[in-house]
Every structure is written in C-alpha cells, then in structure tokens.
Amino acid sequence: MENSCKQNFYRQGEIIIKPLDLMSGDPFVNAMTDENSYYRGKLRQIKSGIIREGEVSGHFHTIDTTDGELYELNGKLYLKSGGHGTKLTHDEHATINIKPNLYEIYIQREYDELGDRRVID
C-alpha cells in the first residue's frame, strides 16, 4: 500500500502523517489551540511546504500551503490541514488529500546490523 489513509493515517513513500488527539497535551496542539501557550513562540513555520527532498531523485514531498501549514517544533514536523483539507504531493507518488486536522509527520526509518537511518527516496 504505497499511498494510503487507514484510520486517518496517511503515507506517501517514507512520509507518514498521523493525526493528533486534540486532548493529548501535545506541544503542537497546545500551541495551535492556546494563544498564550509557551509553545506558540517556539513554532517555526516552513512556508515552502517542503517536508523532505529525495536524496536520489531530488523530488520533494510537499504540502500545498494554500490549504495547509507546515511547522517545526522541538525538532518534530507538524501539519495544520485547513478547513477544506490539503494536498500532499510528490512527482513519483499519487497526490493524497489530507482531511482537516492537526498532524504529526514522521519520516520512516530502516534498520540493519549497522544501525538505523532514514529511508532513502
């Protein structure tokens, strides 16, 4: 299942997008829902919408910033998908429509006898 959404998890190649529980106490949820949050000042918006560039292909996994906002907080990537949802695109994968919500973005890792590393795209 290369491109999929199962129980609102999304996957495109090595990119995994997981919805956040709005009651979880996650720092990103706190920053987006509380104007006075300590974390709000720590957010760094990634205006390009680029999640990751493929090391081999040079293609980008990109969020459409018309309807979505990409952020970095405490070394993690997050997505705020707007009222109509947003699109995740890549030249070698099908476009994925992501429902409105707050999400954490993971980059899949692979393991072998030498240790772990990010999957090379």
PDB file of N, CA and C in Angstrom:
ATOM      1  N   MET A   1       0.843  -1.181   0.000  1.00  0.00           N
ATOM      2  CA  MET A   1       0.000   0.000   0.000  1.00  0.00           C
ATOM      3  C   MET A   1       0.886   1.241   0.000  1.00  0.00           C
ATOM      4  N   GLU A   2       1.263   1.714  -1.151  1.00  0.00           N
ATOM      5  CA  GLU A   2       2.192   2.838  -1.283  1.00  0.00           C
ATOM      6  C   GLU A   2       1.597   4.134  -0.751  1.00  0.00           C
ATOM      7  N   ASN A   3       0.422   4.499  -1.222  1.00  0.00           N
ATOM      8  CA  ASN A   3      -0.224   5.738  -0.805  1.00  0.00           C
ATOM      9  C   ASN A   3      -1.543   5.361  -0.154  1.00  0.00           C
ATOM     10  N   SER A   4      -1.682   5.679   1.110  1.00  0.00           N
ATOM     11  CA  SER A   4      -2.884   5.199   1.762  1.00  0.00           C
ATOM     12  C   SER A   4      -3.310   6.084   2.916  1.00  0.00           C
ATOM     13  N   CYS A   5      -4.564   5.897   3.306  1.00  0.00           N
ATOM     14  CA  CYS A   5      -5.096   6.507   4.513  1.00  0.00           C
ATOM     15  C   CYS A   5      -5.870   5.418   5.230  1.00  0.00           C
ATOM     16  N   LYS A   6      -5.371   4.980   6.355  1.00  0.00           N
ATOM     17  CA  LYS A   6      -6.052   3.975   7.156  1.00  0.00           C
ATOM     18  C   LYS A   6      -6.262   4.573   8.522  1.00  0.00           C
ATOM     19  N   GLN A   7      -7.510   4.689   8.930  1.00  0.00           N
ATOM     20  CA  GLN A   7      -7.848   5.299  10.212  1.00  0.00           C
ATOM     21  C   GLN A   7      -7.218   6.687  10.311  1.00  0.00           C
ATOM     22  N   ASN A   8      -7.262   7.438   9.211  1.00  0.00           N
ATOM     23  CA  ASN A   8      -6.749   8.802   9.126  1.00  0.00           C
ATOM     24  C   ASN A   8      -5.239   8.911   9.244  1.00  0.00           C
ATOM     25  N   PHE A   9      -4.511   7.809   9.122  1.00  0.00           N
ATOM     26  CA  PHE A   9      -3.070   7.868   8.962  1.00  0.00           C
ATOM     27  C   PHE A   9      -2.826   7.967   7.465  1.00  0.00           C
ATOM     28  N   TYR A  10      -1.868   8.773   7.072  1.00  0.00           N
ATOM     29  CA  TYR A  10      -1.545   8.908   5.659  1.00  0.00           C
ATOM     30  C   TYR A  10      -0.094   8.498   5.444  1.00  0.00           C
ATOM     31  N   ARG A  11       0.171   7.897   4.284  1.00  0.00           N
ATOM     32  CA  ARG A  11       1.536   7.502   3.957  1.00  0.00           C
ATOM     33  C   ARG A  11       1.792   7.787   2.492  1.00  0.00           C
ATOM     34  N   GLN A  12       2.938   8.421   2.233  1.00  0.00           N
ATOM     35  CA  GLN A  12       3.379   8.656   0.867  1.00  0.00           C
ATOM     36  C   GLN A  12       4.876   8.365   0.852  1.00  0.00           C
ATOM     37  N   GLY A  13       5.248   7.212   0.268  1.00  0.00           N
ATOM     38  CA  GLY A  13       6.651   6.801   0.331  1.00  0.00           C
ATOM     39  C   GLY A  13       7.071   6.648   1.780  1.00  0.00           C
ATOM     40  N   GLU A  14       8.158   7.320   2.150  1.00  0.00           N
ATOM     41  CA  GLU A  14       8.667   7.224   3.528  1.00  0.00           C
ATOM     42  C   GLU A  14       8.028   8.227   4.485  1.00  0.00           C
ATOM     43  N   ILE A  15       7.086   9.038   4.009  1.00  0.00           N
ATOM     44  CA  ILE A  15       6.420  10.048   4.838  1.00  0.00           C
ATOM     45  C   ILE A  15       5.152   9.451   5.441  1.00  0.00           C
ATOM     46  N   ILE A  16       5.031   9.545   6.765  1.00  0.00           N
ATOM     47  CA  ILE A  16       3.845   9.068   7.480  1.00  0.00           C
ATOM     48  C   ILE A  16       3.252  10.262   8.221  1.00  0.00           C
ATOM     49  N   ILE A  17       1.953  10.469   8.053  1.00  0.00           N
ATOM     50  CA  ILE A  17       1.267  11.596   8.685  1.00  0.00           C
ATOM     51  C   ILE A  17       0.194  11.038   9.604  1.00  0.00           C
ATOM     52  N   LYS A  18       0.329  11.341  10.893  1.00  0.00           N
ATOM     53  CA  LYS A  18      -0.541  10.767  11.925  1.00  0.00           C
ATOM     54  C   LYS A  18      -1.349  11.882  12.584  1.00  0.00           C
ATOM     55  N   PRO A  19      -2.678  11.709  12.686  1.00  0.00           N
ATOM     56  CA  PRO A  19      -3.491  12.743  13.339  1.00  0.00           C
ATOM     57  C   PRO A  19      -3.166  12.826  14.826  1.00  0.00           C
ATOM     58  N   LEU A  20      -3.269  14.036  15.350  1.00  0.00           N
ATOM     59  CA  LEU A  20      -3.037  14.258  16.780  1.00  0.00           C
ATOM     60  C   LEU A  20      -4.367  14.295  17.519  1.00  0.00           C
ATOM     61  N   ASP A  21      -4.390  13.713  18.684  1.00  0.00           N
ATOM     62  CA  ASP A  21      -5.547  13.782  19.572  1.00  0.00           C
ATOM     63  C   ASP A  21      -5.568  15.187  20.172  1.00  0.00           C
ATOM     64  N   LEU A  22      -6.636  15.921  19.936  1.00  0.00           N
ATOM     65  CA  LEU A  22      -6.706  17.301  20.412  1.00  0.00           C
ATOM     66  C   LEU A  22      -6.717  17.415  21.925  1.00  0.00           C
ATOM     67  N   MET A  23      -6.911  16.309  22.626  1.00  0.00           N
ATOM     68  CA  MET A  23      -6.893  16.321  24.096  1.00  0.00           C
ATOM     69  C   MET A  23      -5.584  15.740  24.641  1.00  0.00           C
ATOM     70  N   SER A  24      -4.593  15.531  23.776  1.00  0.00           N
ATOM     71  CA  SER A  24      -3.384  14.799  24.161  1.00  0.00           C
ATOM     72  C   SER A  24      -2.388  15.595  24.998  1.00  0.00           C
ATOM     73  N   GLY A  25      -2.448  16.915  24.926  1.00  0.00           N
ATOM     74  CA  GLY A  25      -1.436  17.713  25.608  1.00  0.00           C
ATOM     75  C   GLY A  25      -0.165  17.854  24.795  1.00  0.00           C
ATOM     76  N   ASP A  26      -0.179  17.395  23.536  1.00  0.00           N
ATOM     77  CA  ASP A  26       0.974  17.537  22.665  1.00  0.00           C
ATOM     78  C   ASP A  26       1.322  19.027  22.545  1.00  0.00           C
ATOM     79  N   PRO A  27       2.622  19.378  22.554  1.00  0.00           N
ATOM     80  CA  PRO A  27       3.011  20.788  22.466  1.00  0.00           C
ATOM     81  C   PRO A  27       2.454  21.516  21.241  1.00  0.00           C
ATOM     82  N   PHE A  28       2.364  20.839  20.093  1.00  0.00           N
ATOM     83  CA  PHE A  28       1.822  21.481  18.898  1.00  0.00           C
ATOM     84  C   PHE A  28       0.333  21.766  19.058  1.00  0.00           C
ATOM     85  N   VAL A  29      -0.398  20.812  19.590  1.00  0.00           N
ATOM     86  CA  VAL A  29      -1.827  21.026  19.840  1.00  0.00           C
ATOM     87  C   VAL A  29      -1.984  22.212  20.788  1.00  0.00           C
ATOM     88  N   ASN A  30      -1.181  22.253  21.832  1.00  0.00           N
ATOM     89  CA  ASN A  30      -1.224  23.351  22.796  1.00  0.00           C
ATOM     90  C   ASN A  30      -0.943  24.687  22.110  1.00  0.00           C
ATOM     91  N   ALA A  31       0.078  24.728  21.247  1.00  0.00           N
ATOM     92  CA  ALA A  31       0.442  25.967  20.555  1.00  0.00           C
ATOM     93  C   ALA A  31      -0.652  26.440  19.611  1.00  0.00           C
ATOM     94  N   MET A  32      -1.353  25.510  18.977  1.00  0.00           N
ATOM     95  CA  MET A  32      -2.373  25.881  17.998  1.00  0.00           C
ATOM     96  C   MET A  32      -3.728  26.206  18.624  1.00  0.00           C
ATOM     97  N   THR A  33      -3.938  25.778  19.865  1.00  0.00           N
ATOM     98  CA  THR A  33      -5.249  25.990  20.487  1.00  0.00           C
ATOM     99  C   THR A  33      -5.237  27.009  21.622  1.00  0.00           C
ATOM    100  N   ASP A  34      -4.054  27.424  22.071  1.00  0.00           N
ATOM    101  CA  ASP A  34      -3.954  28.363  23.197  1.00  0.00           C
ATOM    102  C   ASP A  34      -3.062  29.532  22.804  1.00  0.00           C
ATOM    103  N   GLU A  35      -3.659  30.711  22.620  1.00  0.00           N
ATOM    104  CA  GLU A  35      -2.908  31.904  22.212  1.00  0.00           C
ATOM    105  C   GLU A  35      -1.783  32.249  23.178  1.00  0.00           C
ATOM    106  N   ASN A  36      -1.924  31.896  24.429  1.00  0.00           N
ATOM    107  CA  ASN A  36      -0.928  32.232  25.445  1.00  0.00           C
ATOM    108  C   ASN A  36       0.055  31.095  25.712  1.00  0.00           C
ATOM    109  N   SER A  37       0.025  30.096  24.860  1.00  0.00           N
ATOM    110  CA  SER A  37       0.875  28.924  25.052  1.00  0.00           C
ATOM    111  C   SER A  37       2.355  29.286  24.959  1.00  0.00           C
ATOM    112  N   TYR A  38       3.139  28.714  25.839  1.00  0.00           N
ATOM    113  CA  TYR A  38       4.592  28.834  25.800  1.00  0.00           C
ATOM    114  C   TYR A  38       5.120  28.357  24.444  1.00  0.00           C
ATOM    115  N   TYR A  39       4.502  27.320  23.895  1.00  0.00           N
ATOM    116  CA  TYR A  39       4.974  26.707  22.657  1.00  0.00           C
ATOM    117  C   TYR A  39       4.680  27.545  21.422  1.00  0.00           C
ATOM    118  N   ARG A  40       3.690  28.428  21.490  1.00  0.00           N
ATOM    119  CA  ARG A  40       3.336  29.242  20.319  1.00  0.00           C
ATOM    120  C   ARG A  40       4.544  30.043  19.839  1.00  0.00           C
ATOM    121  N   GLY A  41       5.317  30.574  20.755  1.00  0.00           N
ATOM    122  CA  GLY A  41       6.503  31.340  20.390  1.00  0.00           C
ATOM    123  C   GLY A  41       7.653  30.492  19.889  1.00  0.00           C
ATOM    124  N   LYS A  42       7.570  29.200  20.078  1.00  0.00           N
ATOM    125  CA  LYS A  42       8.622  28.276  19.638  1.00  0.00           C
ATOM    126  C   LYS A  42       8.366  27.694  18.249  1.00  0.00           C
ATOM    127  N   LEU A  43       7.149  27.871  17.731  1.00  0.00           N
ATOM    128  CA  LEU A  43       6.800  27.336  16.412  1.00  0.00           C
ATOM    129  C   LEU A  43       7.608  28.004  15.310  1.00  0.00           C
ATOM    130  N   ARG A  44       8.065  27.202  14.346  1.00  0.00           N
ATOM    131  CA  ARG A  44       8.723  27.753  13.162  1.00  0.00           C
ATOM    132  C   ARG A  44       7.939  27.265  11.948  1.00  0.00           C
ATOM    133  N   GLN A  45       7.286  28.195  11.264  1.00  0.00           N
ATOM    134  CA  GLN A  45       6.523  27.811  10.080  1.00  0.00           C
ATOM    135  C   GLN A  45       7.474  27.585   8.912  1.00  0.00           C
ATOM    136  N   ILE A  46       7.228  26.508   8.157  1.00  0.00           N
ATOM    137  CA  ILE A  46       8.012  26.186   6.970  1.00  0.00           C
ATOM    138  C   ILE A  46       7.168  26.597   5.774  1.00  0.00           C
ATOM    139  N   LYS A  47       7.360  27.834   5.326  1.00  0.00           N
ATOM    140  CA  LYS A  47       6.491  28.418   4.303  1.00  0.00           C
ATOM    141  C   LYS A  47       6.597  27.737   2.948  1.00  0.00           C
ATOM    142  N   SER A  48       7.705  27.065   2.677  1.00  0.00           N
ATOM    143  CA  SER A  48       7.866  26.367   1.393  1.00  0.00           C
ATOM    144  C   SER A  48       6.934  25.167   1.284  1.00  0.00           C
ATOM    145  N   GLY A  49       6.517  24.618   2.424  1.00  0.00           N
ATOM    146  CA  GLY A  49       5.671  23.421   2.426  1.00  0.00           C
ATOM    147  C   GLY A  49       6.439  22.140   2.156  1.00  0.00           C
ATOM    148  N   ILE A  50       7.751  22.225   2.020  1.00  0.00           N
ATOM    149  CA  ILE A  50       8.561  21.038   1.707  1.00  0.00           C
ATOM    150  C   ILE A  50       8.825  20.240   2.981  1.00  0.00           C
ATOM    151  N   ILE A  51       8.349  19.002   2.989  1.00  0.00           N
ATOM    152  CA  ILE A  51       8.587  18.099   4.108  1.00  0.00           C
ATOM    153  C   ILE A  51       9.970  17.477   3.978  1.00  0.00           C
ATOM    154  N   ARG A  52      10.270  17.008   2.752  1.00  0.00           N
ATOM    155  CA  ARG A  52      11.541  16.304   2.557  1.00  0.00           C
ATOM    156  C   ARG A  52      11.882  16.252   1.084  1.00  0.00           C
ATOM    157  N   GLU A  53      13.179  16.347   0.800  1.00  0.00           N
ATOM    158  CA  GLU A  53      13.671  16.183  -0.563  1.00  0.00           C
ATOM    159  C   GLU A  53      14.287  14.799  -0.690  1.00  0.00           C
ATOM    160  N   GLY A  54      13.963  14.102  -1.771  1.00  0.00           N
ATOM    161  CA  GLY A  54      14.537  12.781  -2.005  1.00  0.00           C
ATOM    162  C   GLY A  54      16.026  12.881  -2.286  1.00  0.00           C
ATOM    163  N   GLU A  55      16.821  12.045  -1.606  1.00  0.00           N
ATOM    164  CA  GLU A  55      18.275  12.076  -1.775  1.00  0.00           C
ATOM    165  C   GLU A  55      18.694  11.610  -3.161  1.00  0.00           C
ATOM    166  N   VAL A  56      17.957  10.682  -3.724  1.00  0.00           N
ATOM    167  CA  VAL A  56      18.311  10.120  -5.019  1.00  0.00           C
ATOM    168  C   VAL A  56      17.623  10.883  -6.150  1.00  0.00           C
ATOM    169  N   SER A  57      16.297  11.049  -6.039  1.00  0.00           N
ATOM    170  CA  SER A  57      15.520  11.633  -7.134  1.00  0.00           C
ATOM    171  C   SER A  57      15.549  13.157  -7.151  1.00  0.00           C
ATOM    172  N   GLY A  58      15.754  13.779  -6.001  1.00  0.00           N
ATOM    173  CA  GLY A  58      15.690  15.237  -5.925  1.00  0.00           C
ATOM    174  C   GLY A  58      14.264  15.773  -5.922  1.00  0.00           C
ATOM    175  N   HIS A  59      13.271  14.862  -5.926  1.00  0.00           N
ATOM    176  CA  HIS A  59      11.878  15.290  -5.869  1.00  0.00           C
ATOM    177  C   HIS A  59      11.489  15.603  -4.426  1.00  0.00           C
ATOM    178  N   PHE A  60      10.465  16.436  -4.269  1.00  0.00           N
ATOM    179  CA  PHE A  60      10.047  16.876  -2.945  1.00  0.00           C
ATOM    180  C   PHE A  60       8.708  16.282  -2.527  1.00  0.00           C
ATOM    181  N   HIS A  61       8.570  15.934  -1.253  1.00  0.00           N
ATOM    182  CA  HIS A  61       7.269  15.682  -0.635  1.00  0.00           C
ATOM    183  C   HIS A  61       6.835  17.056  -0.132  1.00  0.00           C
ATOM    184  N   THR A  62       5.709  17.551  -0.654  1.00  0.00           N
ATOM    185  CA  THR A  62       5.308  18.932  -0.393  1.00  0.00           C
ATOM    186  C   THR A  62       3.843  19.026   0.011  1.00  0.00           C
ATOM    187  N   ILE A  63       3.593  19.896   0.977  1.00  0.00           N
ATOM    188  CA  ILE A  63       2.231  20.238   1.401  1.00  0.00           C
ATOM    189  C   ILE A  63       1.791  21.464   0.613  1.00  0.00           C
ATOM    190  N   ASP A  64       0.561  21.436   0.096  1.00  0.00           N
ATOM    191  CA  ASP A  64       0.001  22.607  -0.577  1.00  0.00           C
ATOM    192  C   ASP A  64      -0.280  23.668   0.487  1.00  0.00           C
ATOM    193  N   THR A  65       0.484  24.752   0.460  1.00  0.00           N
ATOM    194  CA  THR A  65       0.367  25.773   1.508  1.00  0.00           C
ATOM    195  C   THR A  65      -0.835  26.696   1.318  1.00  0.00           C
ATOM    196  N   THR A  66      -1.632  26.452   0.265  1.00  0.00           N
ATOM    197  CA  THR A  66      -2.884  27.193   0.108  1.00  0.00           C
ATOM    198  C   THR A  66      -3.854  26.789   1.215  1.00  0.00           C
ATOM    199  N   ASP A  67      -3.887  25.494   1.516  1.00  0.00           N
ATOM    200  CA  ASP A  67      -4.844  24.960   2.486  1.00  0.00           C
ATOM    201  C   ASP A  67      -4.186  24.299   3.694  1.00  0.00           C
ATOM    202  N   GLY A  68      -2.868  24.327   3.756  1.00  0.00           N
ATOM    203  CA  GLY A  68      -2.179  23.676   4.857  1.00  0.00           C
ATOM    204  C   GLY A  68      -0.987  24.487   5.330  1.00  0.00           C
ATOM    205  N   GLU A  69      -0.593  24.267   6.569  1.00  0.00           N
ATOM    206  CA  GLU A  69       0.557  24.952   7.144  1.00  0.00           C
ATOM    207  C   GLU A  69       1.482  23.908   7.749  1.00  0.00           C
ATOM    208  N   LEU A  70       2.752  23.998   7.401  1.00  0.00           N
ATOM    209  CA  LEU A  70       3.769  23.078   7.882  1.00  0.00           C
ATOM    210  C   LEU A  70       4.601  23.796   8.941  1.00  0.00           C
ATOM    211  N   TYR A  71       4.846  23.100  10.061  1.00  0.00           N
ATOM    212  CA  TYR A  71       5.593  23.696  11.173  1.00  0.00           C
ATOM    213  C   TYR A  71       6.653  22.740  11.685  1.00  0.00           C
ATOM    214  N   GLU A  72       7.659  23.318  12.342  1.00  0.00           N
ATOM    215  CA  GLU A  72       8.652  22.569  13.098  1.00  0.00           C
ATOM    216  C   GLU A  72       8.574  23.066  14.532  1.00  0.00           C
ATOM    217  N   LEU A  73       8.576  22.130  15.462  1.00  0.00           N
ATOM    218  CA  LEU A  73       8.553  22.456  16.886  1.00  0.00           C
ATOM    219  C   LEU A  73       9.331  21.380  17.624  1.00  0.00           C
ATOM    220  N   ASN A  74      10.336  21.798  18.366  1.00  0.00           N
ATOM    221  CA  ASN A  74      11.152  20.863  19.151  1.00  0.00           C
ATOM    222  C   ASN A  74      11.714  19.718  18.311  1.00  0.00           C
ATOM    223  N   GLY A  75      12.129  20.016  17.071  1.00  0.00           N
ATOM    224  CA  GLY A  75      12.733  19.008  16.212  1.00  0.00           C
ATOM    225  C   GLY A  75      11.757  18.079  15.519  1.00  0.00           C
ATOM    226  N   LYS A  76      10.469  18.323  15.660  1.00  0.00           N
ATOM    227  CA  LYS A  76       9.448  17.487  15.012  1.00  0.00           C
ATOM    228  C   LYS A  76       8.703  18.317  13.978  1.00  0.00           C
ATOM    229  N   LEU A  77       8.181  17.629  12.945  1.00  0.00           N
ATOM    230  CA  LEU A  77       7.377  18.287  11.927  1.00  0.00           C
ATOM    231  C   LEU A  77       5.895  18.083  12.203  1.00  0.00           C
ATOM    232  N   TYR A  78       5.118  19.139  11.961  1.00  0.00           N
ATOM    233  CA  TYR A  78       3.678  19.107  12.183  1.00  0.00           C
ATOM    234  C   TYR A  78       2.956  19.751  11.004  1.00  0.00           C
ATOM    235  N   LEU A  79       1.708  19.359  10.831  1.00  0.00           N
ATOM    236  CA  LEU A  79       0.863  19.896   9.777  1.00  0.00           C
ATOM    237  C   LEU A  79      -0.457  20.357  10.368  1.00  0.00           C
ATOM    238  N   LYS A  80      -0.875  21.549   9.957  1.00  0.00           N
ATOM    239  CA  LYS A  80      -2.234  22.016  10.228  1.00  0.00           C
ATOM    240  C   LYS A  80      -2.941  22.018   8.886  1.00  0.00           C
ATOM    241  N   SER A  81      -3.850  21.065   8.699  1.00  0.00           N
ATOM    242  CA  SER A  81      -4.603  20.958   7.458  1.00  0.00           C
ATOM    243  C   SER A  81      -5.870  21.788   7.598  1.00  0.00           C
ATOM    244  N   GLY A  82      -6.062  22.742   6.674  1.00  0.00           N
ATOM    245  CA  GLY A  82      -7.135  23.724   6.769  1.00  0.00           C
ATOM    246  C   GLY A  82      -8.533  23.183   6.579  1.00  0.00           C
ATOM    247  N   GLY A  83      -9.491  24.102   6.561  1.00  0.00           N
ATOM    248  CA  GLY A  83     -10.916  23.783   6.530  1.00  0.00           C
ATOM    249  C   GLY A  83     -11.378  22.904   5.389  1.00  0.00           C
ATOM    250  N   HIS A  84     -10.705  22.970   4.258  1.00  0.00           N
ATOM    251  CA  HIS A  84     -11.070  22.130   3.111  1.00  0.00           C
ATOM    252  C   HIS A  84     -10.093  20.976   2.931  1.00  0.00           C
ATOM    253  N   GLY A  85      -9.182  20.822   3.878  1.00  0.00           N
ATOM    254  CA  GLY A  85      -8.141  19.810   3.748  1.00  0.00           C
ATOM    255  C   GLY A  85      -6.991  20.364   2.937  1.00  0.00           C
ATOM    256  N   THR A  86      -5.964  19.563   2.768  1.00  0.00           N
ATOM    257  CA  THR A  86      -4.802  19.978   1.980  1.00  0.00           C
ATOM    258  C   THR A  86      -4.272  18.797   1.192  1.00  0.00           C
ATOM    259  N   LYS A  87      -3.373  19.065   0.287  1.00  0.00           N
ATOM    260  CA  LYS A  87      -2.807  18.026  -0.570  1.00  0.00           C
ATOM    261  C   LYS A  87      -1.338  17.795  -0.236  1.00  0.00           C
ATOM    262  N   LEU A  88      -0.948  16.524  -0.265  1.00  0.00           N
ATOM    263  CA  LEU A  88       0.442  16.120  -0.148  1.00  0.00           C
ATOM    264  C   LEU A  88       0.854  15.625  -1.529  1.00  0.00           C
ATOM    265  N   THR A  89       1.893  16.252  -2.120  1.00  0.00           N
ATOM    266  CA  THR A  89       2.290  15.897  -3.475  1.00  0.00           C
ATOM    267  C   THR A  89       3.748  15.433  -3.545  1.00  0.00           C
ATOM    268  N   HIS A  90       4.029  14.670  -4.590  1.00  0.00           N
ATOM    269  CA  HIS A  90       5.379  14.200  -4.908  1.00  0.00           C
ATOM    270  C   HIS A  90       5.329  13.730  -6.353  1.00  0.00           C
ATOM    271  N   ASP A  91       6.386  13.996  -7.115  1.00  0.00           N
ATOM    272  CA  ASP A  91       6.400  13.655  -8.542  1.00  0.00           C
ATOM    273  C   ASP A  91       6.256  12.163  -8.824  1.00  0.00           C
ATOM    274  N   GLU A  92       6.671  11.310  -7.886  1.00  0.00           N
ATOM    275  CA  GLU A  92       6.660   9.865  -8.137  1.00  0.00           C
ATOM    276  C   GLU A  92       5.564   9.125  -7.373  1.00  0.00           C
ATOM    277  N   HIS A  93       4.687   9.852  -6.698  1.00  0.00           N
ATOM    278  CA  HIS A  93       3.608   9.227  -5.926  1.00  0.00           C
ATOM    279  C   HIS A  93       2.293   9.925  -6.264  1.00  0.00           C
ATOM    280  N   ALA A  94       1.194   9.242  -6.037  1.00  0.00           N
ATOM    281  CA  ALA A  94      -0.121   9.858  -6.214  1.00  0.00           C
ATOM    282  C   ALA A  94      -0.329  10.951  -5.158  1.00  0.00           C
ATOM    283  N   THR A  95      -1.029  12.000  -5.542  1.00  0.00           N
ATOM    284  CA  THR A  95      -1.374  13.070  -4.603  1.00  0.00           C
ATOM    285  C   THR A  95      -2.344  12.527  -3.565  1.00  0.00           C
ATOM    286  N   ILE A  96      -2.154  12.932  -2.317  1.00  0.00           N
ATOM    287  CA  ILE A  96      -3.020  12.495  -1.224  1.00  0.00           C
ATOM    288  C   ILE A  96      -3.757  13.709  -0.682  1.00  0.00           C
ATOM    289  N   ASN A  97      -5.072  13.589  -0.521  1.00  0.00           N
ATOM    290  CA  ASN A  97      -5.886  14.632   0.101  1.00  0.00           C
ATOM    291  C   ASN A  97      -5.967  14.353   1.594  1.00  0.00           C
ATOM    292  N   ILE A  98      -5.539  15.307   2.389  1.00  0.00           N
ATOM    293  CA  ILE A  98      -5.489  15.142   3.845  1.00  0.00           C
ATOM    294  C   ILE A  98      -6.618  15.943   4.482  1.00  0.00           C
ATOM    295  N   LYS A  99      -7.417  15.254   5.273  1.00  0.00           N
ATOM    296  CA  LYS A  99      -8.572  15.871   5.922  1.00  0.00           C
ATOM    297  C   LYS A  99      -8.148  16.968   6.902  1.00  0.00           C
ATOM    298  N   PRO A 100      -9.032  17.949   7.160  1.00  0.00           N
ATOM    299  CA  PRO A 100      -8.723  18.990   8.131  1.00  0.00           C
ATOM    300  C   PRO A 100      -8.443  18.394   9.516  1.00  0.00           C
ATOM    301  N   ASN A 101      -7.322  18.785  10.106  1.00  0.00           N
ATOM    302  CA  ASN A 101      -6.944  18.316  11.441  1.00  0.00           C
ATOM    303  C   ASN A 101      -5.535  18.810  11.726  1.00  0.00           C
ATOM    304  N   LEU A 102      -5.025  18.474  12.893  1.00  0.00           N
ATOM    305  CA  LEU A 102      -3.628  18.686  13.252  1.00  0.00           C
ATOM    306  C   LEU A 102      -2.926  17.339  13.198  1.00  0.00           C
ATOM    307  N   TYR A 103      -1.711  17.313  12.646  1.00  0.00           N
ATOM    308  CA  TYR A 103      -0.997  16.061  12.412  1.00  0.00           C
ATOM    309  C   TYR A 103       0.469  16.179  12.815  1.00  0.00           C
ATOM    310  N   GLU A 104       1.055  15.049  13.193  1.00  0.00           N
ATOM    311  CA  GLU A 104       2.499  14.950  13.335  1.00  0.00           C
ATOM    312  C   GLU A 104       3.014  14.184  12.126  1.00  0.00           C
ATOM    313  N   ILE A 105       4.178  14.599  11.614  1.00  0.00           N
ATOM    314  CA  ILE A 105       4.760  13.981  10.430  1.00  0.00           C
ATOM    315  C   ILE A 105       5.996  13.191  10.837  1.00  0.00           C
ATOM    316  N   TYR A 106       6.053  11.951  10.395  1.00  0.00           N
ATOM    317  CA  TYR A 106       7.188  11.073  10.679  1.00  0.00           C
ATOM    318  C   TYR A 106       7.871  10.715   9.361  1.00  0.00           C
ATOM    319  N   ILE A 107       9.176  10.544   9.418  1.00  0.00           N
ATOM    320  CA  ILE A 107       9.919  10.046   8.272  1.00  0.00           C
ATOM    321  C   ILE A 107      10.384   8.644   8.636  1.00  0.00           C
ATOM    322  N   GLN A 108       9.920   7.673   7.846  1.00  0.00           N
ATOM    323  CA  GLN A 108      10.192   6.266   8.136  1.00  0.00           C
ATOM    324  C   GLN A 108      11.690   6.008   8.201  1.00  0.00           C
ATOM    325  N   ARG A 109      12.070   5.125   9.101  1.00  0.00           N
ATOM    326  CA  ARG A 109      13.462   4.730   9.264  1.00  0.00           C
ATOM    327  C   ARG A 109      13.591   3.251   8.945  1.00  0.00           C
ATOM    328  N   GLU A 110      14.777   2.840   8.521  1.00  0.00           N
ATOM    329  CA  GLU A 110      15.034   1.426   8.298  1.00  0.00           C
ATOM    330  C   GLU A 110      16.208   0.999   9.168  1.00  0.00           C
ATOM    331  N   TYR A 111      16.240  -0.280   9.505  1.00  0.00           N
ATOM    332  CA  TYR A 111      17.229  -0.803  10.435  1.00  0.00           C
ATOM    333  C   TYR A 111      17.987  -1.970   9.804  1.00  0.00           C
ATOM    334  N   ASP A 112      19.262  -2.062  10.111  1.00  0.00           N
ATOM    335  CA  ASP A 112      20.058  -3.227   9.745  1.00  0.00           C
ATOM    336  C   ASP A 112      21.154  -3.396  10.798  1.00  0.00           C
ATOM    337  N   GLU A 113      22.112  -4.284  10.532  1.00  0.00           N
ATOM    338  CA  GLU A 113      23.147  -4.569  11.537  1.00  0.00           C
ATOM    339  C   GLU A 113      24.033  -3.358  11.845  1.00  0.00           C
ATOM    340  N   LEU A 114      24.013  -2.339  10.979  1.00  0.00           N
ATOM    341  CA  LEU A 114      24.825  -1.139  11.205  1.00  0.00           C
ATOM    342  C   LEU A 114      24.085  -0.067  11.982  1.00  0.00           C
ATOM    343  N   GLY A 115      22.805  -0.254  12.201  1.00  0.00           N
ATOM    344  CA  GLY A 115      22.017   0.739  12.950  1.00  0.00           C
ATOM    345  C   GLY A 115      20.793   1.174  12.179  1.00  0.00           C
ATOM    346  N   ASP A 116      20.277   2.339  12.532  1.00  0.00           N
ATOM    347  CA  ASP A 116      19.081   2.838  11.869  1.00  0.00           C
ATOM    348  C   ASP A 116      19.423   4.078  11.042  1.00  0.00           C
ATOM    349  N   ARG A 117      18.578   4.333  10.041  1.00  0.00           N
ATOM    350  CA  ARG A 117      18.751   5.506   9.186  1.00  0.00           C
ATOM    351  C   ARG A 117      17.413   5.805   8.522  1.00  0.00           C
ATOM    352  N   ARG A 118      17.296   7.037   8.018  1.00  0.00           N
ATOM    353  CA  ARG A 118      16.114   7.397   7.268  1.00  0.00           C
ATOM    354  C   ARG A 118      16.081   6.629   5.963  1.00  0.00           C
ATOM    355  N   VAL A 119      14.881   6.292   5.512  1.00  0.00           N
ATOM    356  CA  VAL A 119      14.707   5.625   4.233  1.00  0.00           C
ATOM    357  C   VAL A 119      15.151   6.581   3.129  1.00  0.00           C
ATOM    358  N   ILE A 120      15.925   6.080   2.188  1.00  0.00           N
ATOM    359  CA  ILE A 120      16.383   6.911   1.063  1.00  0.00           C
ATOM    360  C   ILE A 120      15.365   6.837  -0.042  1.00  0.00           C
ATOM    361  N   ASP A 121      14.921   8.012  -0.501  1.00  0.00           N
ATOM    362  CA  ASP A 121      13.887   8.130  -1.537  1.00  0.00           C
ATOM    363  C   ASP A 121      14.552   8.340  -2.879  1.00  0.00           C
TER     364      ASP A 121
END
